[in-house]
Amino acid sequence: MVELKNEEQFALMREAGLIVQRTLDALRAEVKDGVTTARLDAIAEDSIRSQGAVPSFKGYGGGDGVPAFPGVICASVNHEIVHGIPGQTVLHDGDIISIDCGAIYQGWHGDSAITVACGEADPALTELMRVTEQSMWHGIAAIQDGKRLGEIGRAIQGYVRTQGPYGIVEGYGGHGIGSEMHMDPFVHNHRTMDRGPRMRVGMALAIEPMLAAGSKFTLEGNDGWTVLTRDGSPAAHFEHTVCLTEQGLWVTTAEDGGKAGLAPFGVTVHP
């Protein structure tokens, strides 16, 4: 079952989204040579809790010998794609780090991710990050009442293939979000034979493409959480939470609601 929200519930998701957005802005400013991912995690927890929310990730999941996720953020460095556990990893100039962050406000979730360069990144890494972020906006722009969910993955893949031979990570993707962090439906970042259900007003989706500079194939780390590129190539990850409302799309984790990112597509954005 796909959870459909009303305007009041969307407004609470907006509050959660802004908390996440402000937290990621604070973390972006702290990504510098010598900082540890544990330090970034501590900053994120203070930011989320000081704004009256609760971290979504801390204590999430676990079972079958795998502990619950211990961090407030996922901190994935260089060839780590997603779900990296924050700890004593030290960032150095030239690294890139994907930071995924979630918050719960009055029972409603916001979820967003950015990839940030530490110092001056290699131009190829800068381009990887640009393509990943733009592919996310192409996916968001495909969200429309009555269209099939598969149009999102089609739009993401279609754009990426015009930009270069990037690996589009499979098996990990976007998801429904609202009163829980991960809900139906799963959102592929590539074309599939299944066109998926029709999107409807009231849905909220987290759109999060993950691209590798090399192969799309992945490995799971020994910690049971971290996902890495199999060939060791660097990866990038961007994500926004998007609500499909009667008035248009509402990117609740973007300060402007998604206006700038969606302007090139002529998409109506929630006022």
Protein backbone atom coordinates (compact mmCIF):
# COMPACT_ATOMS: atom_id res chain seq x y z
CA MET A 1 0.00 0.00 0.00
CA VAL A 2 1.25 3.46 -0.92
CA GLU A 3 0.66 6.09 1.75
CA LEU A 4 -1.16 9.20 0.50
CA LYS A 5 -0.76 12.43 2.45
CA ASN A 6 -2.88 15.55 2.85
CA GLU A 7 -1.69 19.17 2.84
CA GLU A 8 -1.30 19.29 6.63
CA GLN A 9 0.91 16.22 6.57
CA PHE A 10 2.92 17.58 3.66
CA ALA A 11 3.48 20.74 5.71
CA LEU A 12 4.98 18.67 8.53
CA MET A 13 7.19 16.87 6.00
CA ARG A 14 8.31 20.31 4.84
CA GLU A 15 9.40 21.16 8.38
CA ALA A 16 11.34 17.90 8.58
CA GLY A 17 12.84 18.61 5.16
CA LEU A 18 14.03 22.08 6.11
CA ILE A 19 15.70 20.67 9.23
CA VAL A 20 17.57 18.21 7.03
CA GLN A 21 18.45 20.94 4.53
CA ARG A 22 19.87 23.23 7.22
CA THR A 23 21.83 20.34 8.68
CA LEU A 24 23.36 19.46 5.31
CA ASP A 25 24.25 23.12 4.76
CA ALA A 26 26.10 23.10 8.08
CA LEU A 27 27.91 19.89 7.18
CA ARG A 28 28.91 21.16 3.74
CA ALA A 29 30.73 24.04 5.43
CA GLU A 30 32.61 21.63 7.73
CA VAL A 31 33.97 19.34 4.98
CA LYS A 32 37.66 20.23 5.03
CA ASP A 33 41.08 18.63 5.24
CA GLY A 34 41.59 16.83 8.57
CA VAL A 35 37.97 16.53 9.70
CA THR A 36 36.72 13.09 10.70
CA THR A 37 33.39 11.65 9.64
CA ALA A 38 32.63 11.19 13.36
CA ARG A 39 32.93 14.95 13.81
CA LEU A 40 30.47 15.52 10.96
CA ASP A 41 28.11 13.03 12.60
CA ALA A 42 28.25 14.92 15.92
CA ILE A 43 27.50 18.22 14.17
CA ALA A 44 24.51 16.62 12.42
CA GLU A 45 23.05 15.22 15.63
CA ASP A 46 23.35 18.56 17.40
CA SER A 47 21.74 20.35 14.46
CA ILE A 48 18.78 17.97 14.16
CA ARG A 49 18.02 17.77 17.87
CA SER A 50 18.45 21.52 18.43
CA GLN A 51 15.71 22.09 15.84
CA GLY A 52 13.25 19.89 17.70
CA ALA A 53 13.60 16.80 15.54
CA VAL A 54 14.98 13.27 15.91
CA PRO A 55 17.58 11.65 13.62
CA SER A 56 16.01 9.08 11.29
CA PHE A 57 19.07 6.90 10.80
CA LYS A 58 20.45 6.38 14.31
CA GLY A 59 19.36 2.94 15.53
CA TYR A 60 17.73 2.07 12.20
CA GLY A 61 17.55 -1.51 10.99
CA GLY A 62 19.81 -4.30 12.15
CA GLY A 63 19.22 -8.01 12.63
CA ASP A 64 20.71 -11.30 11.41
CA GLY A 65 24.03 -10.46 13.00
CA VAL A 66 24.15 -6.90 11.64
CA PRO A 67 23.92 -4.15 14.27
CA ALA A 68 21.48 -1.27 13.96
CA PHE A 69 22.94 1.71 12.12
CA PRO A 70 25.01 3.66 14.68
CA GLY A 71 25.25 7.03 12.95
CA VAL A 72 23.09 10.09 12.46
CA ILE A 73 24.37 10.46 8.90
CA CYS A 74 25.64 8.07 6.28
CA ALA A 75 29.16 9.22 5.42
CA SER A 76 30.47 7.53 2.26
CA VAL A 77 33.94 8.54 1.10
CA ASN A 78 35.36 8.20 -2.43
CA HIS A 79 34.58 4.64 -3.62
CA GLU A 80 31.95 4.15 -0.90
CA ILE A 81 28.56 4.66 -2.52
CA VAL A 82 26.06 4.75 0.33
CA HIS A 83 25.45 3.72 3.97
CA GLY A 84 28.98 4.50 5.12
CA ILE A 85 29.24 4.46 8.92
CA PRO A 86 30.74 7.66 10.37
CA GLY A 87 33.84 7.08 12.49
CA GLN A 88 37.54 7.86 12.53
CA THR A 89 37.94 8.23 8.76
CA VAL A 90 39.83 11.47 8.11
CA LEU A 91 39.02 13.54 5.05
CA HIS A 92 41.83 14.91 2.91
CA ASP A 93 41.97 17.45 0.10
CA GLY A 94 40.82 15.80 -3.11
CA ASP A 95 38.38 13.41 -1.44
CA ILE A 96 34.67 13.45 -2.08
CA ILE A 97 32.11 12.48 0.55
CA SER A 98 28.44 11.61 0.13
CA ILE A 99 26.42 12.67 3.16
CA ASP A 100 22.92 11.23 3.58
CA CYS A 101 20.79 12.71 6.36
CA GLY A 102 17.28 12.15 7.69
CA ALA A 103 15.13 13.73 10.38
CA ILE A 104 11.75 13.05 11.96
CA TYR A 105 9.58 16.02 12.92
CA GLN A 106 6.31 15.31 14.75
CA GLY A 107 6.26 11.84 13.24
CA TRP A 108 7.05 12.85 9.64
CA HIS A 109 10.28 12.31 7.72
CA GLY A 110 12.67 14.27 5.55
CA ASP A 111 15.55 12.57 3.71
CA SER A 112 18.23 14.16 1.55
CA ALA A 113 21.81 13.57 0.40
CA ILE A 114 24.64 15.60 -1.09
CA THR A 115 28.11 14.81 -2.35
CA VAL A 116 30.78 17.33 -1.39
CA ALA A 117 34.39 17.78 -2.41
CA CYS A 118 37.04 18.24 0.27
CA GLY A 119 39.19 21.09 -0.98
CA GLU A 120 39.64 21.19 -4.74
CA ALA A 121 38.40 18.05 -6.45
CA ASP A 122 39.73 16.57 -9.66
CA PRO A 123 37.68 17.90 -12.62
CA ALA A 124 36.47 14.38 -13.39
CA LEU A 125 35.04 14.10 -9.87
CA THR A 126 33.42 17.52 -10.16
CA GLU A 127 31.76 16.34 -13.36
CA LEU A 128 30.64 13.08 -11.71
CA MET A 129 28.96 15.09 -8.96
CA ARG A 130 27.34 17.47 -11.45
CA VAL A 131 25.91 14.66 -13.58
CA THR A 132 24.59 12.83 -10.52
CA GLU A 133 22.85 15.90 -9.15
CA GLN A 134 21.36 16.82 -12.53
CA SER A 135 20.14 13.26 -13.06
CA MET A 136 18.26 13.61 -9.78
CA TRP A 137 16.46 16.72 -11.08
CA HIS A 138 15.59 14.89 -14.30
CA GLY A 139 14.05 12.13 -12.19
CA ILE A 140 12.13 14.60 -10.02
CA ALA A 141 10.78 16.39 -13.09
CA ALA A 142 9.27 13.09 -14.28
CA ILE A 143 6.98 12.91 -11.24
CA GLN A 144 3.47 13.67 -12.42
CA ASP A 145 -0.04 12.61 -11.41
CA GLY A 146 -1.16 9.74 -13.60
CA LYS A 147 2.27 8.90 -15.04
CA ARG A 148 3.94 5.56 -14.35
CA LEU A 149 6.58 5.35 -11.64
CA GLY A 150 9.02 3.85 -14.13
CA GLU A 151 9.24 7.21 -15.91
CA ILE A 152 11.52 8.39 -13.09
CA GLY A 153 14.17 5.76 -13.75
CA ARG A 154 13.77 6.24 -17.49
CA ALA A 155 14.45 9.98 -17.12
CA ILE A 156 17.47 9.44 -14.88
CA GLN A 157 19.06 6.86 -17.16
CA GLY A 158 18.20 8.79 -20.30
CA TYR A 159 20.05 11.85 -19.02
CA VAL A 160 23.05 9.96 -17.65
CA ARG A 161 23.60 8.16 -20.95
CA THR A 162 23.98 11.53 -22.71
CA GLN A 163 26.73 12.56 -20.30
CA GLY A 164 29.19 9.68 -20.35
CA PRO A 165 29.77 6.01 -19.51
CA TYR A 166 28.88 6.29 -15.83
CA GLY A 167 27.79 3.26 -13.86
CA ILE A 168 24.20 3.62 -12.64
CA VAL A 169 24.14 1.68 -9.37
CA GLU A 170 21.38 -0.94 -9.27
CA GLY A 171 19.73 -2.55 -6.26
CA TYR A 172 19.74 0.71 -4.32
CA GLY A 173 17.37 3.54 -5.17
CA GLY A 174 14.62 5.87 -4.13
CA HIS A 175 11.56 5.05 -2.06
CA GLY A 176 8.28 6.20 -0.67
CA ILE A 177 8.55 8.33 2.46
CA GLY A 178 6.20 9.94 4.98
CA SER A 179 5.25 8.52 8.37
CA GLU A 180 8.17 6.11 7.87
CA MET A 181 11.55 6.68 6.26
CA HIS A 182 11.42 3.78 3.83
CA MET A 183 8.03 2.90 2.37
CA ASP A 184 6.57 1.54 -0.85
CA PRO A 185 7.14 2.06 -3.69
CA PHE A 186 10.80 1.37 -4.50
CA VAL A 187 12.07 3.78 -7.17
CA HIS A 188 14.63 2.47 -9.67
CA ASN A 189 17.28 4.81 -11.06
CA HIS A 190 17.22 3.07 -14.43
CA ARG A 191 14.78 1.67 -16.97
CA THR A 192 13.00 -1.56 -16.11
CA MET A 193 10.57 -3.83 -17.91
CA ASP A 194 7.99 -3.09 -15.19
CA ARG A 195 6.55 0.39 -15.76
CA GLY A 196 5.36 0.48 -12.16
CA PRO A 197 2.18 1.89 -10.61
CA ARG A 198 0.68 5.21 -11.55
CA MET A 199 1.79 8.17 -9.46
CA ARG A 200 -0.95 9.98 -7.59
CA VAL A 201 -1.45 13.26 -5.77
CA GLY A 202 -0.65 12.61 -2.11
CA MET A 203 2.46 10.53 -2.77
CA ALA A 204 5.86 11.47 -1.41
CA LEU A 205 9.03 10.00 -2.90
CA ALA A 206 12.73 10.20 -2.11
CA ILE A 207 14.62 10.40 -5.42
CA GLU A 208 18.28 9.42 -5.07
CA PRO A 209 20.47 8.43 -8.01
CA MET A 210 23.91 6.98 -7.28
CA LEU A 211 26.52 7.01 -10.03
CA ALA A 212 29.99 5.48 -10.21
CA ALA A 213 32.79 6.79 -12.39
CA GLY A 214 33.41 3.20 -13.46
CA SER A 215 31.37 0.01 -13.18
CA LYS A 216 27.85 -0.18 -11.74
CA PHE A 217 28.70 -3.33 -9.76
CA THR A 218 28.91 -3.13 -5.97
CA LEU A 219 30.24 -4.86 -2.87
CA GLU A 220 28.98 -4.79 0.69
CA GLY A 221 31.53 -3.92 3.37
CA ASN A 222 32.38 -6.09 6.36
CA ASP A 223 30.33 -3.81 8.63
CA GLY A 224 27.14 -5.05 6.95
CA TRP A 225 26.16 -1.54 5.90
CA THR A 226 28.67 0.23 3.66
CA VAL A 227 28.15 -0.27 -0.08
CA LEU A 228 31.24 0.18 -2.26
CA THR A 229 32.04 0.13 -5.96
CA ARG A 230 33.47 -3.25 -6.91
CA ASP A 231 36.14 -1.72 -9.13
CA GLY A 232 37.19 0.93 -6.60
CA SER A 233 36.00 3.84 -8.73
CA PRO A 234 34.63 6.95 -6.97
CA ALA A 235 30.88 7.39 -6.60
CA ALA A 236 28.41 10.22 -5.98
CA HIS A 237 24.93 10.33 -4.45
CA PHE A 238 22.28 13.06 -4.36
CA GLU A 239 18.77 12.89 -2.92
CA HIS A 240 15.69 15.02 -2.29
CA THR A 241 12.29 14.31 -0.75
CA VAL A 242 9.50 15.26 -3.17
CA CYS A 243 5.77 15.59 -2.48
CA LEU A 244 3.20 15.39 -5.28
CA THR A 245 0.52 17.91 -4.31
CA GLU A 246 -2.57 19.38 -5.97
CA GLN A 247 -0.57 22.59 -6.53
CA GLY A 248 2.50 20.94 -8.03
CA LEU A 249 5.72 19.29 -6.88
CA TRP A 250 7.09 20.29 -3.50
CA VAL A 251 10.75 19.44 -2.91
CA THR A 252 10.54 19.59 0.87
CA THR A 253 14.30 19.23 1.42
CA ALA A 254 15.18 22.18 -0.85
CA GLU A 255 15.04 25.67 0.62
CA ASP A 256 13.21 27.04 -2.42
CA GLY A 257 10.90 24.04 -2.70
CA GLY A 258 12.65 22.94 -5.88
CA LYS A 259 12.01 26.05 -7.99
CA ALA A 260 15.58 26.50 -9.23
CA GLY A 261 16.21 22.83 -9.92
CA LEU A 262 12.93 22.35 -11.78
CA ALA A 263 12.87 25.66 -13.67
CA PRO A 264 14.60 24.23 -16.78
CA PHE A 265 11.84 21.60 -17.06
CA GLY A 266 8.87 23.97 -16.86
CA VAL A 267 7.46 21.97 -13.94
CA THR A 268 4.86 23.58 -11.68
CA VAL A 269 6.19 23.88 -8.14
CA HIS A 270 4.06 24.10 -4.99
CA PRO A 271 3.69 27.80 -4.10
